[in-house]
Protein backbone atom coordinates (compact mmCIF):
# COMPACT_ATOMS: atom_id res chain seq x y z
CA MET A 1 -0.01 0.05 -0.19
CA THR A 2 1.45 3.09 -0.98
CA SER A 3 1.94 6.42 1.76
CA THR A 4 -0.79 8.90 2.51
CA ILE A 5 1.08 11.42 0.52
CA ASN A 6 1.58 9.38 -2.54
CA LEU A 7 -2.13 8.53 -2.54
CA LEU A 8 -3.46 11.85 -2.77
CA ARG A 9 -1.31 12.89 -5.23
CA LEU A 10 -2.36 9.96 -7.06
CA LEU A 11 -6.30 10.74 -6.41
CA ALA A 12 -5.33 14.88 -7.23
CA ASP A 13 -6.31 13.81 -10.89
CA PRO A 14 -9.73 13.71 -11.21
CA THR A 15 -10.39 10.71 -13.90
CA ARG A 16 -8.52 8.52 -11.03
CA LEU A 17 -10.78 9.83 -8.53
CA ARG A 18 -13.56 9.04 -10.36
CA LEU A 19 -12.41 5.90 -11.19
CA LEU A 20 -11.80 4.87 -7.55
CA LEU A 21 -15.39 6.34 -6.69
CA LEU A 22 -17.08 4.17 -9.15
CA LEU A 23 -14.76 0.84 -8.30
CA GLU A 24 -15.69 1.53 -4.67
CA GLU A 25 -19.25 1.08 -5.81
CA GLU A 26 -19.01 -1.70 -8.05
CA GLU A 27 -16.52 -4.21 -10.04
CA LEU A 28 -16.01 -2.93 -13.41
CA SER A 29 -14.21 -4.26 -16.93
CA VAL A 30 -12.62 -1.88 -19.05
CA ALA A 31 -15.02 -1.72 -21.50
CA GLU A 32 -17.91 -0.71 -18.46
CA LEU A 33 -15.52 2.03 -17.54
CA GLN A 34 -15.03 3.26 -21.19
CA GLN A 35 -19.15 3.61 -21.50
CA ILE A 36 -19.39 5.27 -17.89
CA LEU A 37 -16.82 7.81 -18.41
CA ASN A 38 -16.99 8.07 -22.24
CA MET A 39 -13.03 7.63 -22.21
CA GLY A 40 -10.91 5.70 -24.48
CA GLN A 41 -9.67 2.07 -23.31
CA SER A 42 -5.74 3.11 -23.43
CA ARG A 43 -6.45 6.08 -20.94
CA ILE A 44 -8.58 4.08 -18.42
CA SER A 45 -6.10 1.51 -18.30
CA SER A 46 -3.09 3.53 -17.77
CA HIS A 47 -5.02 5.19 -14.62
CA LEU A 48 -5.94 1.57 -13.54
CA ALA A 49 -2.50 0.58 -13.54
CA GLN A 50 -1.49 3.60 -11.72
CA LEU A 51 -4.51 2.75 -8.84
CA LYS A 52 -3.12 -1.08 -9.00
CA ARG A 53 0.53 0.06 -8.36
CA ALA A 54 -1.18 2.02 -5.18
CA GLY A 55 -2.60 -0.94 -3.88
CA VAL A 56 -6.28 0.64 -3.77
CA VAL A 57 -7.26 -1.22 -7.04
CA ALA A 58 -7.45 -4.82 -7.92
CA GLY A 59 -8.12 -6.85 -10.85
CA ARG A 60 -10.24 -10.50 -10.79
CA ARG A 61 -10.35 -12.64 -13.91
CA ALA A 62 -13.96 -13.86 -14.83
CA GLY A 63 -13.31 -16.16 -18.20
CA LYS A 64 -12.81 -13.73 -20.41
CA ASN A 65 -13.12 -10.47 -18.52
CA VAL A 66 -11.27 -8.72 -15.87
CA TYR A 67 -13.19 -7.17 -13.34
CA TYR A 68 -11.62 -4.30 -11.25
CA GLY A 69 -12.78 -3.32 -7.85
CA ALA A 70 -11.49 -1.18 -4.92
CA THR A 71 -9.47 -3.13 -2.47
CA LYS A 72 -11.21 -3.86 0.74
CA THR A 73 -7.77 -3.84 2.94
CA ALA A 74 -6.46 -0.59 4.32
CA GLY A 75 -2.83 -2.38 4.02
CA ARG A 76 0.01 -2.30 6.88
CA ASN A 77 0.22 1.75 7.10
CA GLY A 78 -3.55 2.12 6.64
CA ALA A 79 -3.25 4.64 4.23
CA ARG A 80 -6.48 3.90 2.25
CA GLY A 81 -8.23 4.46 5.50
CA ARG A 82 -6.92 7.32 6.63
CA VAL A 83 -7.76 9.33 3.41
CA GLN A 84 -10.83 7.84 2.95
CA GLN A 85 -12.72 11.44 4.45
CA VAL A 86 -10.36 13.24 1.93
CA ILE A 87 -11.82 11.10 -0.81
CA GLU A 88 -15.44 11.76 -0.01
CA THR A 89 -14.76 15.40 0.41
CA LEU A 90 -12.96 15.78 -3.20
CA ALA A 91 -15.68 13.71 -4.66
CA ARG A 92 -18.19 16.43 -3.68
CA GLU A 93 -15.92 18.92 -5.61
CA ILE A 94 -16.10 17.33 -8.88
CA PRO A 95 -18.68 18.16 -11.27
CA GLU A 96 -19.40 14.56 -13.07
CA THR A 97 -19.61 12.79 -10.34
CA GLY A 98 -23.47 12.71 -10.40
CA ARG A 99 -23.72 12.10 -13.71
CA ASP A 100 -21.19 8.84 -13.21
CA ARG A 101 -23.53 7.46 -10.99
CA THR A 102 -26.52 7.69 -13.61
CA ALA A 103 -24.21 5.78 -15.90
CA LEU A 104 -23.17 3.56 -13.13
CA LYS A 105 -26.54 2.34 -12.78
CA LEU A 106 -27.32 2.34 -16.62
CA ALA A 107 -23.92 -0.01 -17.26
CA LEU A 108 -25.19 -2.51 -14.28
CA ARG A 109 -28.72 -2.52 -15.50
CA LYS A 110 -27.36 -3.50 -19.16
CA ARG A 111 -25.10 -6.16 -17.51
CA GLN A 112 -27.86 -7.78 -16.00
CA ASP A 113 -30.71 -7.63 -18.02
CA LYS A 114 -30.10 -11.07 -20.22
CA ALA A 115 -33.85 -10.75 -22.03
CA ARG A 116 -32.64 -7.04 -23.73
CA GLU A 117 -29.91 -9.48 -25.10
CA TYR A 118 -32.48 -11.63 -26.25
CA PHE A 119 -34.49 -9.33 -27.99
CA ASP A 120 -31.95 -7.50 -29.51
CA GLU A 121 -30.72 -10.81 -31.49
CA LEU A 122 -34.73 -11.61 -32.30
CA ALA A 123 -35.08 -8.13 -34.01
CA GLY A 124 -32.18 -8.97 -36.01
CA LYS A 125 -33.98 -11.86 -37.49
CA PHE A 126 -37.57 -10.62 -37.58
CA GLY A 127 -38.68 -10.16 -41.22
CA ARG A 128 -35.03 -11.60 -42.41
CA SER A 129 -37.45 -14.31 -44.12
CA TYR A 130 -40.89 -14.01 -45.78
CA VAL A 131 -44.06 -15.08 -43.73
CA PRO A 132 -47.14 -13.88 -45.35
CA GLY A 133 -48.95 -11.36 -43.23
CA ARG A 134 -46.22 -10.57 -40.51
CA SER A 135 -44.55 -6.98 -40.39
CA TRP A 136 -43.44 -4.60 -37.77
CA LYS A 137 -46.86 -2.54 -39.12
CA ALA A 138 -49.35 -5.21 -38.85
CA LEU A 139 -47.76 -5.93 -35.17
CA SER A 140 -47.69 -2.31 -34.02
CA HIS A 141 -51.53 -1.96 -35.02
CA ALA A 142 -52.35 -5.25 -32.75
CA LEU A 143 -50.01 -3.69 -29.81
CA ILE A 144 -51.56 -0.42 -29.94
CA SER A 145 -54.97 -1.83 -29.77
CA LEU A 146 -53.86 -3.24 -26.51
CA VAL A 147 -53.08 0.56 -25.01
CA PRO A 148 -55.72 1.22 -22.16
CA ARG A 149 -58.44 4.36 -22.30
CA LEU A 150 -56.07 6.86 -21.60
CA THR A 151 -55.70 10.55 -22.19
CA ILE A 152 -52.48 10.86 -23.90
CA VAL A 153 -50.74 13.93 -25.70
CA ASP A 154 -48.48 13.57 -28.70
CA LEU A 155 -45.72 16.82 -28.50
CA GLY A 156 -44.27 17.35 -31.60
CA ALA A 157 -46.74 15.08 -33.50
CA GLY A 158 -46.48 16.26 -37.20
CA GLU A 159 -48.99 14.98 -39.01
CA GLY A 160 -49.72 12.53 -36.36
CA THR A 161 -49.37 9.08 -37.57
CA LEU A 162 -48.97 7.88 -34.07
CA SER A 163 -51.58 9.97 -32.50
CA GLN A 164 -54.07 8.46 -35.09
CA LEU A 165 -53.23 4.83 -34.34
CA LEU A 166 -53.34 5.59 -30.55
CA ALA A 167 -56.87 7.21 -30.66
CA LYS A 168 -58.34 3.68 -31.87
CA SER A 169 -58.29 2.72 -28.09
CA ALA A 170 -57.51 5.60 -26.27
CA ARG A 171 -59.97 7.87 -24.49
CA LYS A 172 -58.68 10.97 -25.95
CA VAL A 173 -55.46 12.16 -27.61
CA ILE A 174 -54.22 15.30 -28.23
CA ALA A 175 -51.67 15.92 -30.94
CA ILE A 176 -49.33 19.22 -30.66
CA ASP A 177 -47.37 20.53 -33.22
CA ASN A 178 -45.69 24.05 -34.21
CA SER A 179 -46.48 23.38 -37.72
CA PRO A 180 -49.64 25.50 -38.65
CA LYS A 181 -49.54 22.83 -41.93
CA MET A 182 -49.18 20.03 -40.10
CA VAL A 183 -51.82 20.91 -37.65
CA GLU A 184 -54.43 21.46 -40.51
CA PHE A 185 -53.29 18.36 -42.61
CA GLY A 186 -53.75 15.90 -39.54
CA SER A 187 -56.57 17.74 -38.38
CA LYS A 188 -58.46 17.06 -41.72
CA LEU A 189 -56.97 13.34 -41.77
CA ALA A 190 -58.53 12.72 -38.20
CA LYS A 191 -62.25 14.04 -39.57
CA LYS A 192 -61.81 12.13 -42.71
CA HIS A 193 -60.89 9.02 -40.97
CA GLY A 194 -63.84 9.53 -37.84
CA PHE A 195 -61.77 10.21 -34.88
CA LYS A 196 -63.84 12.47 -32.60
CA ASN A 197 -61.64 11.54 -29.62
CA LEU A 198 -58.17 13.15 -31.61
CA GLU A 199 -57.54 16.40 -31.66
CA TYR A 200 -55.00 18.54 -32.99
CA ARG A 201 -53.42 22.10 -31.39
CA LEU A 202 -51.00 24.49 -32.32
CA GLY A 203 -48.23 24.77 -29.86
CA ASP A 204 -44.86 24.66 -28.84
CA LEU A 205 -43.79 21.31 -27.00
CA GLU A 206 -41.67 23.34 -24.97
CA ASP A 207 -44.82 25.23 -23.66
CA PRO A 208 -47.94 22.86 -25.16
CA PRO A 209 -51.30 24.40 -24.82
CA VAL A 210 -52.51 21.32 -22.24
CA THR A 211 -54.10 22.13 -18.45
CA LYS A 212 -52.18 21.20 -15.80
CA GLY A 213 -52.35 17.40 -14.62
CA SER A 214 -55.29 16.58 -17.08
CA VAL A 215 -53.50 13.81 -18.79
CA ASP A 216 -52.23 10.10 -18.43
CA LEU A 217 -49.46 10.05 -20.79
CA VAL A 218 -46.91 12.16 -22.66
CA LEU A 219 -45.05 10.75 -26.14
CA LEU A 220 -41.89 12.72 -27.63
CA SER A 221 -41.73 10.37 -30.35
CA GLN A 222 -38.70 11.72 -32.19
CA ALA A 223 -39.47 15.31 -31.33
CA LEU A 224 -37.27 15.69 -28.31
CA HIS A 225 -33.74 16.52 -30.63
CA HIS A 226 -36.14 18.81 -32.37
CA ALA A 227 -36.48 21.12 -28.72
CA ILE A 228 -34.55 24.50 -28.31
CA LYS A 229 -34.05 23.27 -24.97
CA PRO A 230 -34.86 19.73 -24.36
CA GLU A 231 -34.86 20.03 -20.09
CA ARG A 232 -38.07 22.62 -20.57
CA ALA A 233 -39.92 19.91 -22.93
CA VAL A 234 -39.32 17.40 -20.36
CA GLN A 235 -40.17 19.95 -17.64
CA ALA A 236 -43.41 20.65 -19.82
CA ALA A 237 -44.60 16.89 -19.95
CA HIS A 238 -44.12 16.73 -15.66
CA ARG A 239 -46.31 19.64 -15.58
CA ILE A 240 -49.24 18.35 -17.68
CA LEU A 241 -49.57 15.17 -16.34
CA LYS A 242 -51.91 13.51 -13.67
CA ARG A 243 -49.95 12.07 -10.56
CA ASN A 244 -48.51 8.65 -11.53
CA GLY A 245 -48.71 9.42 -15.22
CA ARG A 246 -46.24 8.31 -17.58
CA VAL A 247 -43.89 10.10 -20.01
CA VAL A 248 -42.46 8.15 -23.15
CA VAL A 249 -39.12 9.50 -25.41
CA LEU A 250 -38.17 7.76 -28.30
CA ASP A 251 -35.72 9.48 -30.04
CA LEU A 252 -32.03 9.07 -31.66
CA LEU A 253 -29.29 8.36 -29.55
CA SER A 254 -26.07 10.22 -29.93
CA HIS A 255 -24.57 10.45 -33.02
CA ARG A 256 -22.06 12.53 -35.50
CA PHE A 257 -24.04 12.80 -38.47
CA GLU A 258 -23.98 16.66 -38.56
CA ARG A 259 -25.90 16.99 -42.01
CA ALA A 260 -29.04 16.16 -39.67
CA ARG A 261 -29.15 19.55 -38.65
CA GLU A 262 -29.48 20.62 -42.50
CA LEU A 263 -31.80 17.60 -43.82
CA TYR A 264 -34.22 16.94 -40.98
CA ALA A 265 -34.22 20.62 -39.09
CA ASP A 266 -32.58 18.69 -36.22
CA ARG A 267 -31.30 21.12 -33.28
CA TRP A 268 -29.61 18.57 -31.43
CA LEU A 269 -27.55 15.52 -32.58
CA GLY A 270 -29.42 12.59 -30.32
CA PHE A 271 -29.28 12.40 -26.70
CA SER A 272 -26.83 9.69 -25.01
CA GLU A 273 -28.69 7.28 -22.37
CA VAL A 274 -26.84 9.06 -19.57
CA LYS A 275 -28.65 12.56 -20.79
CA LEU A 276 -31.63 11.29 -21.18
CA HIS A 277 -32.01 10.05 -17.68
CA GLU A 278 -30.38 12.99 -16.47
CA LEU A 279 -32.96 15.20 -17.98
CA LEU A 280 -36.00 12.91 -16.71
CA GLU A 281 -34.54 13.07 -13.43
CA LYS A 282 -34.03 16.60 -13.15
CA GLY A 283 -37.63 16.74 -14.80
CA GLY A 284 -38.99 15.35 -11.15
CA PHE A 285 -39.82 11.53 -12.80
CA ARG A 286 -39.28 8.30 -11.17
CA ASP A 287 -38.98 4.86 -11.99
CA ILE A 288 -36.64 5.68 -14.99
CA GLU A 289 -35.89 3.23 -17.64
CA VAL A 290 -33.74 3.82 -20.44
CA SER A 291 -32.55 1.51 -23.08
CA VAL A 292 -31.46 1.37 -27.00
CA VAL A 293 -34.26 -0.55 -28.96
CA SER A 294 -33.09 -0.05 -32.50
CA ARG A 295 -30.10 0.14 -34.60
CA GLU A 296 -29.95 0.84 -38.15
CA LYS A 297 -27.70 -1.14 -40.75
CA GLU A 298 -27.37 1.57 -43.43
CA ASN A 299 -25.46 4.82 -42.98
CA PRO A 300 -24.99 6.82 -40.50
CA GLN A 301 -26.58 4.00 -38.35
CA PHE A 302 -29.00 5.57 -36.56
CA GLN A 303 -29.89 4.00 -33.27
CA THR A 304 -33.22 4.66 -31.46
CA VAL A 305 -33.31 5.42 -27.24
CA PHE A 306 -36.34 4.35 -25.31
CA ALA A 307 -36.80 6.33 -22.37
CA THR A 308 -39.51 6.08 -19.66
CA GLY A 309 -40.58 7.85 -16.14
CA VAL A 310 -43.30 8.17 -13.81
CA LYS A 311 -44.16 11.13 -12.46
């Protein structure tokens, strides 16, 4: 075990301190640490090596993987124990600490979610071979018919294709969009199809014209990346929901396809899983779940991330 002075010098680097704080919570692989810290493998490995030499981190091999964790013993000179209070004090001064905790939760959820791995594999096979009558469109119609009789708001609805599907089962659907032409077109379409429980309203998803605490479900389907301030849209969703109401977000996972700003009028190049979790958490939601649910094979290989939370 290194001396107290050398250990404090070692932990003066914010990255090494962040690593140690994470490894005190859970054993993690280098790949998981890359995901949590959004850093390269070589940088993380270099810092881990220094922490290992200091005796505060140890590695454990499990099959092909190596998991790193904080050592439990303080060593002969008790250095680890003597600086614990200093470590906790330093942790409060690092702005990334809260984000790291959220990212850790998501990484552990991914590790444990075996069902997700199964369905990812299944999704890759669905539609690969022709079966008469089987399609995602047919499946979506079947599943949407199971939606309870809720009052639903679709923020950034566009012409409202999803809103019209939901109107088949919902008590009422309110489709909000800031384009007068979209609202006009959607309203005509709803009237044509006889949807008396579907209403289109002109408004902004950051300040929707909906009564506070009046709806059961708020949808933001591929709309949040168009918001000037996404946090305001999430807060607005929280405001109009009833207690125990739910928000559902479907959006692009963060990407680097800059042309999306020009081609699709995107203000944001998607959101990371951690960022979406933070947006919902800061917006007042609980029981938050975030996961990647779709991956396109064609360039730029957009991925779709799903997030939900309860008021």
